[in-house]
Amino acid sequence: MPKPYNPNDKWARRAAEEGYRARSVYKLMELDVRGKLLRAGMTVLDVGAAPGSWLQYTSERVGPHGRVVGLDLKSIDFIADNVQTFVCDLTDAVAVENALQTAGITKVDLLLSDIAPNTSGIKDRDQWLSIELSRAVAAVAKAHMKPQGTLVMKVFQGRDFDQFLAELKFTFREAKSRTVQATRDSSKEVYIVCKGLKSAT
C-alpha cells in the first residue's frame, strides 16, 4: 500500500536545508548524474519551471557562460544572473518564440520539463492531460532544440503512455523512460529522456 503524501518528507527537508525551492530538484540531479545531461556553457530551456528548483540546479551546472531560460504561467523570483524567466504558456507557440527571442536565443541544447497538469483525482483523465501537455512540450522541443540536443520531460504512466513513447521514438533517435528515487511512492510519474532530434521529412 502506498505511503500517504508527506509534504515534509526527507527530500523536502533536504531541499530546505540546501537552499533549493522544491524537492523536485533531486529528480533532476539523479537524471543528470545518470545521463550526463548538463555541462558548462550549455543553453537550457526549462518549461513549467516554477518555483525554480530545476533552474537553480541548472544555473549551477551550466556556469556563468551558460544560459538558462525558464517559462511558466506563474512568475518566478530571481535565480541568478545566467537565468531569465518569462510568464508564458508553453502551448502558445508565438509566446514561446517571443520569449526566446527576447532572451536572444534561437536554439537550445537541452529542454527540461517537470510540468504536470492540474490533477482531478480521476486517474485516466489526469494521465490523458499529462500526455497532451507532454505533446506540447515535445512540440516546443521540435521547434527550438538543436538536432544533437536532449529533451527530458515528466509524464504520467497509463494506457496512452506506450503510444506516446512510440511517437517520440519516431521523432527522436532515442527515447527512454526513467524512474527516480525522489518520486513519491503513490505517483505514476516517469521521466522520458529523448536524444537526437530527427530532421523533418
N, C-alpha and C. Protein backbone atom coordinates (compact mmCIF):
# COMPACT_ATOMS: atom_id res chain seq x y z
N MET A 1 0.85 -1.20 0.00
CA MET A 1 0.00 0.00 0.00
C MET A 1 0.88 1.24 0.00
N PRO A 2 0.62 2.23 -0.88
CA PRO A 2 1.48 3.39 -0.94
C PRO A 2 1.44 4.22 0.32
N LYS A 3 2.56 4.87 0.63
CA LYS A 3 2.61 5.73 1.80
C LYS A 3 1.80 7.01 1.54
N PRO A 4 1.17 7.55 2.59
CA PRO A 4 0.43 8.80 2.40
C PRO A 4 1.37 9.94 2.06
N TYR A 5 0.82 10.93 1.36
CA TYR A 5 1.62 12.10 0.99
C TYR A 5 2.12 12.82 2.22
N ASN A 6 3.40 13.12 2.24
CA ASN A 6 4.01 13.83 3.36
C ASN A 6 4.77 15.03 2.82
N PRO A 7 4.22 16.25 2.99
CA PRO A 7 4.87 17.43 2.42
C PRO A 7 6.20 17.75 3.09
N ASN A 8 6.52 17.07 4.20
CA ASN A 8 7.76 17.32 4.91
C ASN A 8 8.62 16.05 4.92
N ASP A 9 8.67 15.35 3.77
CA ASP A 9 9.46 14.13 3.71
C ASP A 9 10.95 14.46 3.65
N LYS A 10 11.78 13.43 3.57
CA LYS A 10 13.23 13.67 3.65
C LYS A 10 13.75 14.52 2.51
N TRP A 11 13.12 14.39 1.33
CA TRP A 11 13.57 15.18 0.18
C TRP A 11 13.23 16.65 0.37
N ALA A 12 12.05 16.93 0.90
CA ALA A 12 11.64 18.31 1.16
C ALA A 12 12.52 18.94 2.24
N ARG A 13 12.82 18.17 3.27
CA ARG A 13 13.69 18.68 4.33
C ARG A 13 15.09 18.96 3.79
N ARG A 14 15.58 18.05 2.97
CA ARG A 14 16.91 18.24 2.38
C ARG A 14 16.95 19.48 1.49
N ALA A 15 15.88 19.67 0.70
CA ALA A 15 15.82 20.85 -0.18
C ALA A 15 15.87 22.13 0.65
N ALA A 16 15.12 22.17 1.73
CA ALA A 16 15.11 23.35 2.60
C ALA A 16 16.50 23.59 3.20
N GLU A 17 17.15 22.52 3.62
CA GLU A 17 18.48 22.65 4.22
C GLU A 17 19.51 23.13 3.21
N GLU A 18 19.38 22.72 1.96
CA GLU A 18 20.38 23.04 0.94
C GLU A 18 20.01 24.26 0.10
N GLY A 19 18.90 24.90 0.44
CA GLY A 19 18.55 26.15 -0.21
C GLY A 19 17.84 26.03 -1.54
N TYR A 20 17.28 24.86 -1.84
CA TYR A 20 16.53 24.68 -3.08
C TYR A 20 15.04 24.95 -2.83
N ARG A 21 14.36 25.40 -3.86
CA ARG A 21 12.97 25.84 -3.70
C ARG A 21 11.96 24.70 -3.67
N ALA A 22 12.35 23.50 -4.11
CA ALA A 22 11.42 22.37 -4.11
C ALA A 22 12.21 21.06 -4.09
N ARG A 23 11.56 20.02 -3.58
CA ARG A 23 12.17 18.69 -3.50
C ARG A 23 12.44 18.09 -4.87
N SER A 24 11.75 18.59 -5.89
CA SER A 24 11.90 18.04 -7.25
C SER A 24 13.30 18.20 -7.80
N VAL A 25 14.12 19.07 -7.20
CA VAL A 25 15.48 19.25 -7.69
C VAL A 25 16.26 17.94 -7.67
N TYR A 26 15.94 17.05 -6.72
CA TYR A 26 16.70 15.81 -6.60
C TYR A 26 16.36 14.82 -7.71
N LYS A 27 15.21 15.01 -8.33
CA LYS A 27 14.88 14.21 -9.51
C LYS A 27 15.81 14.60 -10.66
N LEU A 28 15.97 15.90 -10.87
CA LEU A 28 16.86 16.35 -11.94
C LEU A 28 18.31 15.97 -11.63
N MET A 29 18.72 16.10 -10.40
CA MET A 29 20.08 15.71 -10.03
C MET A 29 20.36 14.26 -10.41
N GLU A 30 19.43 13.37 -10.06
CA GLU A 30 19.62 11.96 -10.37
C GLU A 30 19.66 11.72 -11.87
N LEU A 31 18.75 12.35 -12.59
CA LEU A 31 18.73 12.20 -14.04
C LEU A 31 20.01 12.73 -14.66
N ASP A 32 20.53 13.80 -14.11
CA ASP A 32 21.76 14.39 -14.62
C ASP A 32 22.96 13.47 -14.36
N VAL A 33 23.05 12.95 -13.16
CA VAL A 33 24.16 12.05 -12.82
C VAL A 33 24.13 10.81 -13.71
N ARG A 34 22.95 10.25 -13.89
CA ARG A 34 22.82 9.02 -14.69
C ARG A 34 23.02 9.26 -16.18
N GLY A 35 22.53 10.41 -16.67
CA GLY A 35 22.54 10.64 -18.11
C GLY A 35 23.51 11.69 -18.59
N LYS A 36 24.27 12.30 -17.64
CA LYS A 36 25.22 13.35 -18.01
C LYS A 36 24.55 14.40 -18.90
N LEU A 37 23.49 14.97 -18.39
CA LEU A 37 22.66 15.89 -19.17
C LEU A 37 23.26 17.29 -19.29
N LEU A 38 23.84 17.76 -18.21
CA LEU A 38 24.25 19.16 -18.12
C LEU A 38 25.77 19.30 -18.13
N ARG A 39 26.22 20.36 -18.79
CA ARG A 39 27.66 20.67 -18.80
C ARG A 39 27.82 22.18 -18.89
N ALA A 40 29.00 22.65 -18.58
CA ALA A 40 29.27 24.08 -18.59
C ALA A 40 29.06 24.67 -19.98
N GLY A 41 28.46 25.86 -20.01
CA GLY A 41 28.28 26.59 -21.25
C GLY A 41 27.04 26.25 -22.05
N MET A 42 26.23 25.34 -21.58
CA MET A 42 25.03 24.94 -22.32
C MET A 42 23.97 26.04 -22.31
N THR A 43 23.08 25.96 -23.29
CA THR A 43 21.86 26.77 -23.33
C THR A 43 20.68 25.85 -23.04
N VAL A 44 19.93 26.17 -21.99
CA VAL A 44 18.89 25.28 -21.49
C VAL A 44 17.56 26.01 -21.38
N LEU A 45 16.49 25.35 -21.79
CA LEU A 45 15.13 25.85 -21.63
C LEU A 45 14.39 24.94 -20.67
N ASP A 46 13.81 25.52 -19.61
CA ASP A 46 13.03 24.79 -18.62
C ASP A 46 11.59 25.28 -18.70
N VAL A 47 10.67 24.41 -19.10
CA VAL A 47 9.26 24.80 -19.21
C VAL A 47 8.49 24.26 -18.01
N GLY A 48 7.54 25.06 -17.53
CA GLY A 48 6.87 24.70 -16.29
C GLY A 48 7.85 24.81 -15.13
N ALA A 49 8.62 25.90 -15.12
CA ALA A 49 9.81 25.98 -14.28
C ALA A 49 9.56 26.39 -12.83
N ALA A 50 8.40 26.97 -12.51
CA ALA A 50 8.14 27.43 -11.14
C ALA A 50 8.07 26.23 -10.19
N PRO A 51 8.52 26.40 -8.96
CA PRO A 51 9.05 27.62 -8.33
C PRO A 51 10.52 27.91 -8.62
N GLY A 52 11.21 26.98 -9.30
CA GLY A 52 12.55 27.31 -9.76
C GLY A 52 13.68 26.44 -9.28
N SER A 53 13.39 25.30 -8.65
CA SER A 53 14.49 24.46 -8.15
C SER A 53 15.33 23.87 -9.28
N TRP A 54 14.66 23.49 -10.38
CA TRP A 54 15.42 22.98 -11.53
C TRP A 54 16.26 24.09 -12.13
N LEU A 55 15.76 25.32 -12.15
CA LEU A 55 16.54 26.45 -12.64
C LEU A 55 17.76 26.69 -11.76
N GLN A 56 17.59 26.57 -10.45
CA GLN A 56 18.71 26.75 -9.53
C GLN A 56 19.84 25.76 -9.84
N TYR A 57 19.48 24.50 -9.93
CA TYR A 57 20.48 23.46 -10.18
C TYR A 57 21.10 23.62 -11.55
N THR A 58 20.28 23.90 -12.56
CA THR A 58 20.78 24.05 -13.92
C THR A 58 21.72 25.24 -14.02
N SER A 59 21.38 26.34 -13.35
CA SER A 59 22.24 27.51 -13.33
C SER A 59 23.62 27.17 -12.79
N GLU A 60 23.66 26.40 -11.72
CA GLU A 60 24.94 25.99 -11.13
C GLU A 60 25.74 25.12 -12.09
N ARG A 61 25.06 24.21 -12.78
CA ARG A 61 25.75 23.24 -13.63
C ARG A 61 26.27 23.86 -14.93
N VAL A 62 25.52 24.79 -15.53
CA VAL A 62 25.98 25.37 -16.79
C VAL A 62 27.00 26.49 -16.57
N GLY A 63 27.03 27.04 -15.37
CA GLY A 63 28.02 28.03 -15.03
C GLY A 63 27.76 29.41 -15.64
N PRO A 64 28.67 30.34 -15.38
CA PRO A 64 28.46 31.73 -15.81
C PRO A 64 28.43 31.93 -17.32
N HIS A 65 28.99 31.00 -18.07
CA HIS A 65 28.98 31.12 -19.53
C HIS A 65 27.80 30.38 -20.17
N GLY A 66 26.99 29.74 -19.35
CA GLY A 66 25.79 29.08 -19.84
C GLY A 66 24.60 30.01 -19.79
N ARG A 67 23.53 29.61 -20.47
CA ARG A 67 22.29 30.38 -20.47
C ARG A 67 21.13 29.47 -20.09
N VAL A 68 20.24 29.98 -19.25
CA VAL A 68 19.07 29.22 -18.83
C VAL A 68 17.84 30.11 -18.94
N VAL A 69 16.80 29.59 -19.58
CA VAL A 69 15.53 30.30 -19.68
C VAL A 69 14.44 29.45 -19.05
N GLY A 70 13.64 30.07 -18.20
CA GLY A 70 12.53 29.37 -17.56
C GLY A 70 11.20 29.97 -17.97
N LEU A 71 10.25 29.11 -18.33
CA LEU A 71 8.91 29.54 -18.70
C LEU A 71 7.90 28.93 -17.74
N ASP A 72 6.91 29.72 -17.35
CA ASP A 72 5.84 29.20 -16.50
C ASP A 72 4.66 30.17 -16.55
N LEU A 73 3.50 29.65 -16.20
CA LEU A 73 2.32 30.51 -16.09
C LEU A 73 2.41 31.43 -14.88
N LYS A 74 3.28 31.08 -13.92
CA LYS A 74 3.50 31.90 -12.73
C LYS A 74 4.83 32.61 -12.84
N SER A 75 4.93 33.79 -12.22
CA SER A 75 6.21 34.49 -12.20
C SER A 75 7.16 33.76 -11.25
N ILE A 76 8.45 33.86 -11.54
CA ILE A 76 9.49 33.17 -10.77
C ILE A 76 10.45 34.21 -10.22
N ASP A 77 10.72 34.15 -8.93
CA ASP A 77 11.65 35.08 -8.31
C ASP A 77 13.06 34.88 -8.88
N PHE A 78 13.87 35.92 -8.78
CA PHE A 78 15.22 35.92 -9.33
C PHE A 78 16.00 34.67 -8.88
N ILE A 79 16.70 34.07 -9.85
CA ILE A 79 17.51 32.88 -9.57
C ILE A 79 18.99 33.24 -9.57
N ALA A 80 19.48 33.69 -10.73
CA ALA A 80 20.90 34.00 -10.89
C ALA A 80 21.06 34.85 -12.16
N ASP A 81 22.25 35.40 -12.34
CA ASP A 81 22.49 36.27 -13.49
C ASP A 81 22.40 35.54 -14.82
N ASN A 82 22.65 34.24 -14.82
CA ASN A 82 22.61 33.49 -16.08
C ASN A 82 21.25 32.87 -16.36
N VAL A 83 20.23 33.29 -15.61
CA VAL A 83 18.87 32.76 -15.76
C VAL A 83 17.90 33.90 -16.07
N GLN A 84 17.09 33.71 -17.12
CA GLN A 84 15.99 34.62 -17.42
C GLN A 84 14.69 33.84 -17.36
N THR A 85 13.66 34.44 -16.79
CA THR A 85 12.37 33.77 -16.69
C THR A 85 11.29 34.64 -17.32
N PHE A 86 10.26 33.96 -17.85
CA PHE A 86 9.16 34.65 -18.52
C PHE A 86 7.84 33.99 -18.11
N VAL A 87 6.82 34.80 -17.91
CA VAL A 87 5.47 34.28 -17.73
C VAL A 87 4.95 33.95 -19.13
N CYS A 88 4.70 32.67 -19.38
CA CYS A 88 4.43 32.23 -20.74
C CYS A 88 3.70 30.90 -20.72
N ASP A 89 2.74 30.75 -21.61
CA ASP A 89 2.02 29.50 -21.80
C ASP A 89 2.77 28.68 -22.85
N LEU A 90 3.29 27.52 -22.46
CA LEU A 90 4.10 26.73 -23.40
C LEU A 90 3.28 26.22 -24.58
N THR A 91 1.95 26.19 -24.47
CA THR A 91 1.12 25.76 -25.60
C THR A 91 0.91 26.87 -26.62
N ASP A 92 1.38 28.07 -26.32
CA ASP A 92 1.28 29.21 -27.22
C ASP A 92 2.62 29.35 -27.94
N ALA A 93 2.69 28.84 -29.16
CA ALA A 93 3.96 28.80 -29.89
C ALA A 93 4.54 30.20 -30.11
N VAL A 94 3.68 31.17 -30.38
CA VAL A 94 4.15 32.54 -30.60
C VAL A 94 4.74 33.13 -29.32
N ALA A 95 4.10 32.88 -28.20
CA ALA A 95 4.60 33.38 -26.91
C ALA A 95 5.96 32.77 -26.57
N VAL A 96 6.12 31.48 -26.83
CA VAL A 96 7.40 30.82 -26.58
C VAL A 96 8.47 31.40 -27.49
N GLU A 97 8.14 31.57 -28.75
CA GLU A 97 9.08 32.16 -29.70
C GLU A 97 9.49 33.57 -29.26
N ASN A 98 8.54 34.36 -28.82
CA ASN A 98 8.83 35.73 -28.39
C ASN A 98 9.73 35.75 -27.15
N ALA A 99 9.47 34.83 -26.22
CA ALA A 99 10.29 34.77 -25.01
C ALA A 99 11.74 34.44 -25.35
N LEU A 100 11.94 33.46 -26.23
CA LEU A 100 13.30 33.08 -26.60
C LEU A 100 13.99 34.19 -27.39
N GLN A 101 13.24 34.87 -28.25
CA GLN A 101 13.82 36.00 -28.99
C GLN A 101 14.24 37.11 -28.04
N THR A 102 13.42 37.37 -27.04
CA THR A 102 13.75 38.39 -26.05
C THR A 102 15.03 38.02 -25.29
N ALA A 103 15.20 36.72 -25.04
CA ALA A 103 16.40 36.23 -24.35
C ALA A 103 17.60 36.15 -25.28
N GLY A 104 17.37 36.37 -26.58
CA GLY A 104 18.46 36.30 -27.54
C GLY A 104 18.89 34.88 -27.87
N ILE A 105 17.95 33.96 -27.79
CA ILE A 105 18.25 32.53 -28.01
C ILE A 105 17.46 32.03 -29.22
N THR A 106 18.11 31.28 -30.07
CA THR A 106 17.44 30.68 -31.22
C THR A 106 17.18 29.19 -30.99
N LYS A 107 18.23 28.45 -30.60
CA LYS A 107 18.09 27.02 -30.36
C LYS A 107 18.73 26.65 -29.02
N VAL A 108 18.20 25.61 -28.39
CA VAL A 108 18.72 25.20 -27.08
C VAL A 108 19.37 23.82 -27.15
N ASP A 109 20.32 23.60 -26.25
CA ASP A 109 20.99 22.30 -26.17
C ASP A 109 20.14 21.27 -25.41
N LEU A 110 19.38 21.76 -24.43
CA LEU A 110 18.63 20.88 -23.54
C LEU A 110 17.31 21.52 -23.18
N LEU A 111 16.24 20.74 -23.28
CA LEU A 111 14.92 21.21 -22.85
C LEU A 111 14.46 20.34 -21.70
N LEU A 112 14.11 20.98 -20.60
CA LEU A 112 13.67 20.29 -19.39
C LEU A 112 12.21 20.59 -19.12
N SER A 113 11.48 19.58 -18.65
CA SER A 113 10.09 19.80 -18.28
C SER A 113 9.70 18.89 -17.11
N ASP A 114 9.37 19.53 -16.00
CA ASP A 114 8.82 18.80 -14.84
C ASP A 114 7.35 19.17 -14.67
N ILE A 115 6.76 19.62 -15.77
CA ILE A 115 5.40 20.15 -15.72
C ILE A 115 4.37 19.01 -15.55
N ALA A 116 3.30 19.34 -14.87
CA ALA A 116 2.20 18.39 -14.69
C ALA A 116 0.88 19.15 -14.77
N PRO A 117 -0.17 18.52 -15.27
CA PRO A 117 -1.47 19.20 -15.33
C PRO A 117 -2.08 19.33 -13.94
N ASN A 118 -3.05 20.22 -13.82
CA ASN A 118 -3.83 20.27 -12.58
C ASN A 118 -4.63 18.98 -12.47
N THR A 119 -4.34 18.19 -11.45
CA THR A 119 -4.95 16.87 -11.36
C THR A 119 -6.34 16.93 -10.75
N SER A 120 -7.18 15.98 -11.19
CA SER A 120 -8.56 15.92 -10.73
C SER A 120 -8.80 14.74 -9.78
N GLY A 121 -7.84 13.82 -9.74
CA GLY A 121 -8.03 12.60 -8.97
C GLY A 121 -8.63 11.48 -9.80
N ILE A 122 -9.06 11.80 -11.02
CA ILE A 122 -9.57 10.78 -11.93
C ILE A 122 -8.39 10.30 -12.76
N LYS A 123 -7.92 9.09 -12.48
CA LYS A 123 -6.64 8.61 -13.00
C LYS A 123 -6.53 8.71 -14.51
N ASP A 124 -7.51 8.20 -15.23
CA ASP A 124 -7.42 8.18 -16.69
C ASP A 124 -7.41 9.60 -17.27
N ARG A 125 -8.23 10.48 -16.69
CA ARG A 125 -8.28 11.87 -17.17
C ARG A 125 -6.95 12.56 -16.91
N ASP A 126 -6.40 12.39 -15.71
CA ASP A 126 -5.14 13.04 -15.37
C ASP A 126 -4.00 12.55 -16.26
N GLN A 127 -4.00 11.26 -16.55
CA GLN A 127 -2.95 10.71 -17.39
C GLN A 127 -3.07 11.24 -18.82
N TRP A 128 -4.30 11.33 -19.31
CA TRP A 128 -4.53 11.88 -20.66
C TRP A 128 -4.08 13.33 -20.72
N LEU A 129 -4.40 14.13 -19.69
CA LEU A 129 -3.96 15.52 -19.65
C LEU A 129 -2.44 15.62 -19.64
N SER A 130 -1.80 14.71 -18.91
CA SER A 130 -0.33 14.70 -18.86
C SER A 130 0.25 14.43 -20.24
N ILE A 131 -0.33 13.48 -20.96
CA ILE A 131 0.16 13.16 -22.30
C ILE A 131 -0.02 14.34 -23.24
N GLU A 132 -1.19 14.98 -23.19
CA GLU A 132 -1.43 16.13 -24.06
C GLU A 132 -0.47 17.28 -23.75
N LEU A 133 -0.21 17.51 -22.47
CA LEU A 133 0.74 18.55 -22.09
C LEU A 133 2.15 18.17 -22.55
N SER A 134 2.47 16.90 -22.45
CA SER A 134 3.79 16.43 -22.89
C SER A 134 3.94 16.53 -24.40
N ARG A 135 2.86 16.35 -25.13
CA ARG A 135 2.92 16.56 -26.59
C ARG A 135 3.24 18.02 -26.90
N ALA A 136 2.71 18.93 -26.10
CA ALA A 136 3.02 20.35 -26.28
C ALA A 136 4.50 20.61 -25.99
N VAL A 137 5.03 19.95 -24.97
CA VAL A 137 6.45 20.08 -24.65
C VAL A 137 7.30 19.57 -25.81
N ALA A 138 6.92 18.41 -26.36
CA ALA A 138 7.65 17.84 -27.50
C ALA A 138 7.61 18.77 -28.70
N ALA A 139 6.49 19.47 -28.89
CA ALA A 139 6.38 20.42 -30.00
C ALA A 139 7.35 21.59 -29.81
N VAL A 140 7.50 22.05 -28.58
CA VAL A 140 8.47 23.11 -28.29
C VAL A 140 9.88 22.61 -28.60
N ALA A 141 10.16 21.36 -28.22
CA ALA A 141 11.48 20.79 -28.50
C ALA A 141 11.75 20.75 -30.00
N LYS A 142 10.76 20.29 -30.76
CA LYS A 142 10.95 20.20 -32.22
C LYS A 142 11.20 21.57 -32.84
N ALA A 143 10.61 22.60 -32.27
CA ALA A 143 10.75 23.94 -32.82
C ALA A 143 12.04 24.64 -32.38
N HIS A 144 12.54 24.30 -31.19
CA HIS A 144 13.59 25.13 -30.60
C HIS A 144 14.82 24.37 -30.11
N MET A 145 14.90 23.07 -30.33
CA MET A 145 16.03 22.30 -29.86
C MET A 145 17.01 22.00 -30.98
N LYS A 146 18.30 22.04 -30.68
CA LYS A 146 19.31 21.67 -31.65
C LYS A 146 19.18 20.18 -32.00
N PRO A 147 19.56 19.79 -33.22
CA PRO A 147 19.42 18.38 -33.61
C PRO A 147 20.14 17.41 -32.67
N GLN A 148 21.27 17.83 -32.10
CA GLN A 148 22.01 16.96 -31.20
C GLN A 148 21.58 17.15 -29.74
N GLY A 149 20.50 17.91 -29.52
CA GLY A 149 20.07 18.23 -28.17
C GLY A 149 19.33 17.10 -27.48
N THR A 150 18.95 17.38 -26.24
CA THR A 150 18.28 16.40 -25.39
C THR A 150 17.01 17.00 -24.79
N LEU A 151 15.96 16.19 -24.74
CA LEU A 151 14.69 16.56 -24.12
C LEU A 151 14.44 15.64 -22.93
N VAL A 152 14.13 16.23 -21.78
CA VAL A 152 13.79 15.47 -20.58
C VAL A 152 12.45 15.97 -20.07
N MET A 153 11.46 15.08 -19.97
CA MET A 153 10.15 15.53 -19.52
C MET A 153 9.44 14.49 -18.66
N LYS A 154 8.65 15.00 -17.73
CA LYS A 154 7.85 14.15 -16.86
C LYS A 154 6.54 13.77 -17.55
N VAL A 155 6.15 12.50 -17.41
CA VAL A 155 4.89 12.01 -17.98
C VAL A 155 4.26 11.06 -16.98
N PHE A 156 2.94 11.06 -16.89
CA PHE A 156 2.23 10.09 -16.06
C PHE A 156 2.01 8.81 -16.87
N GLN A 157 2.29 7.68 -16.24
CA GLN A 157 2.06 6.39 -16.90
C GLN A 157 0.57 6.08 -16.94
N GLY A 158 0.17 5.37 -17.98
CA GLY A 158 -1.22 4.97 -18.15
C GLY A 158 -1.42 4.36 -19.51
N ARG A 159 -2.66 4.23 -19.93
CA ARG A 159 -2.95 3.49 -21.15
C ARG A 159 -2.45 4.18 -22.42
N ASP A 160 -2.23 5.50 -22.39
CA ASP A 160 -1.73 6.22 -23.55
C ASP A 160 -0.21 6.34 -23.58
N PHE A 161 0.44 5.86 -22.53
CA PHE A 161 1.87 6.10 -22.39
C PHE A 161 2.69 5.42 -23.50
N ASP A 162 2.41 4.15 -23.76
CA ASP A 162 3.19 3.41 -24.76
C ASP A 162 3.07 4.04 -26.15
N GLN A 163 1.88 4.50 -26.49
CA GLN A 163 1.68 5.14 -27.78
C GLN A 163 2.49 6.44 -27.86
N PHE A 164 2.48 7.21 -26.77
CA PHE A 164 3.23 8.46 -26.76
C PHE A 164 4.73 8.20 -26.87
N LEU A 165 5.21 7.19 -26.17
CA LEU A 165 6.63 6.85 -26.24
C LEU A 165 7.00 6.44 -27.67
N ALA A 166 6.11 5.71 -28.33
CA ALA A 166 6.35 5.32 -29.73
C ALA A 166 6.42 6.55 -30.63
N GLU A 167 5.56 7.54 -30.38
CA GLU A 167 5.60 8.78 -31.15
C GLU A 167 6.96 9.48 -30.99
N LEU A 168 7.46 9.48 -29.77
CA LEU A 168 8.74 10.13 -29.51
C LEU A 168 9.88 9.39 -30.19
N LYS A 169 9.79 8.06 -30.24
CA LYS A 169 10.84 7.28 -30.91
C LYS A 169 10.83 7.53 -32.41
N PHE A 170 9.70 7.95 -32.95
CA PHE A 170 9.62 8.31 -34.36
C PHE A 170 10.25 9.68 -34.61
N THR A 171 10.19 10.54 -33.59
CA THR A 171 10.69 11.92 -33.72
C THR A 171 12.16 12.04 -33.33
N PHE A 172 12.60 11.22 -32.37
CA PHE A 172 13.97 11.28 -31.87
C PHE A 172 14.69 9.95 -32.13
N ARG A 173 16.00 10.02 -32.25
CA ARG A 173 16.77 8.79 -32.47
C ARG A 173 16.72 7.87 -31.26
N GLU A 174 16.50 8.45 -30.09
CA GLU A 174 16.45 7.64 -28.86
C GLU A 174 15.43 8.24 -27.91
N ALA A 175 14.60 7.41 -27.30
CA ALA A 175 13.63 7.87 -26.31
C ALA A 175 13.46 6.75 -25.28
N LYS A 176 13.87 7.02 -24.05
CA LYS A 176 13.82 6.01 -22.99
C LYS A 176 13.16 6.58 -21.74
N SER A 177 12.44 5.72 -21.02
CA SER A 177 11.80 6.14 -19.78
C SER A 177 12.73 5.87 -18.60
N ARG A 178 12.62 6.73 -17.59
CA ARG A 178 13.45 6.62 -16.39
C ARG A 178 12.59 6.88 -15.15
N THR A 179 12.84 6.14 -14.10
CA THR A 179 12.24 6.44 -12.80
C THR A 179 13.33 7.00 -11.90
N VAL A 180 12.93 7.78 -10.89
CA VAL A 180 13.91 8.39 -9.99
C VAL A 180 13.49 8.17 -8.55
N GLN A 181 14.46 8.18 -7.66
CA GLN A 181 14.22 7.86 -6.25
C GLN A 181 13.33 8.87 -5.54
N ALA A 182 13.43 10.14 -5.93
CA ALA A 182 12.68 11.18 -5.22
C ALA A 182 11.20 11.23 -5.60
N THR A 183 10.78 10.41 -6.54
CA THR A 183 9.35 10.33 -6.88
C THR A 183 8.59 9.72 -5.71
N ARG A 184 7.45 10.31 -5.38
CA ARG A 184 6.64 9.77 -4.28
C ARG A 184 6.10 8.39 -4.63
N ASP A 185 5.97 7.54 -3.62
CA ASP A 185 5.54 6.14 -3.84
C ASP A 185 4.20 6.05 -4.55
N SER A 186 3.32 7.01 -4.30
CA SER A 186 1.97 6.95 -4.88
C SER A 186 1.91 7.51 -6.30
N SER A 187 3.01 8.07 -6.79
CA SER A 187 2.99 8.75 -8.08
C SER A 187 3.16 7.78 -9.24
N LYS A 188 2.52 8.09 -10.36
CA LYS A 188 2.66 7.32 -11.59
C LYS A 188 3.63 8.00 -12.56
N GLU A 189 4.38 8.98 -12.08
CA GLU A 189 5.24 9.73 -12.97
C GLU A 189 6.49 8.95 -13.35
N VAL A 190 6.92 9.17 -14.57
CA VAL A 190 8.23 8.73 -15.04
C VAL A 190 8.82 9.88 -15.85
N TYR A 191 10.08 9.79 -16.13
CA TYR A 191 10.72 10.79 -16.98
C TYR A 191 11.15 10.12 -18.28
N ILE A 192 10.93 10.82 -19.38
CA ILE A 192 11.36 10.34 -20.68
C ILE A 192 12.53 11.20 -21.13
N VAL A 193 13.62 10.53 -21.50
CA VAL A 193 14.81 11.20 -21.98
C VAL A 193 14.94 10.92 -23.47
N CYS A 194 14.88 11.99 -24.27
CA CYS A 194 14.95 11.87 -25.74
C CYS A 194 16.22 12.54 -26.25
N LYS A 195 16.88 11.86 -27.16
CA LYS A 195 18.13 12.41 -27.73
C LYS A 195 18.10 12.29 -29.25
N GLY A 196 18.70 13.28 -29.91
CA GLY A 196 18.85 13.20 -31.36
C GLY A 196 17.57 13.51 -32.11
N LEU A 197 17.21 14.77 -32.17
CA LEU A 197 16.01 15.18 -32.90
C LEU A 197 16.19 14.89 -34.39
N LYS A 198 15.28 14.14 -34.96
CA LYS A 198 15.36 13.80 -36.37
C LYS A 198 14.92 14.98 -37.23
N SER A 199 15.50 15.10 -38.41
CA SER A 199 15.12 16.16 -39.33
C SER A 199 13.73 15.90 -39.88
N ALA A 200 12.96 16.97 -40.10
CA ALA A 200 11.63 16.83 -40.70
C ALA A 200 11.78 16.39 -42.15
N THR A 201 10.90 15.49 -42.60
CA THR A 201 10.97 14.99 -43.97
C THR A 201 9.67 15.32 -44.69
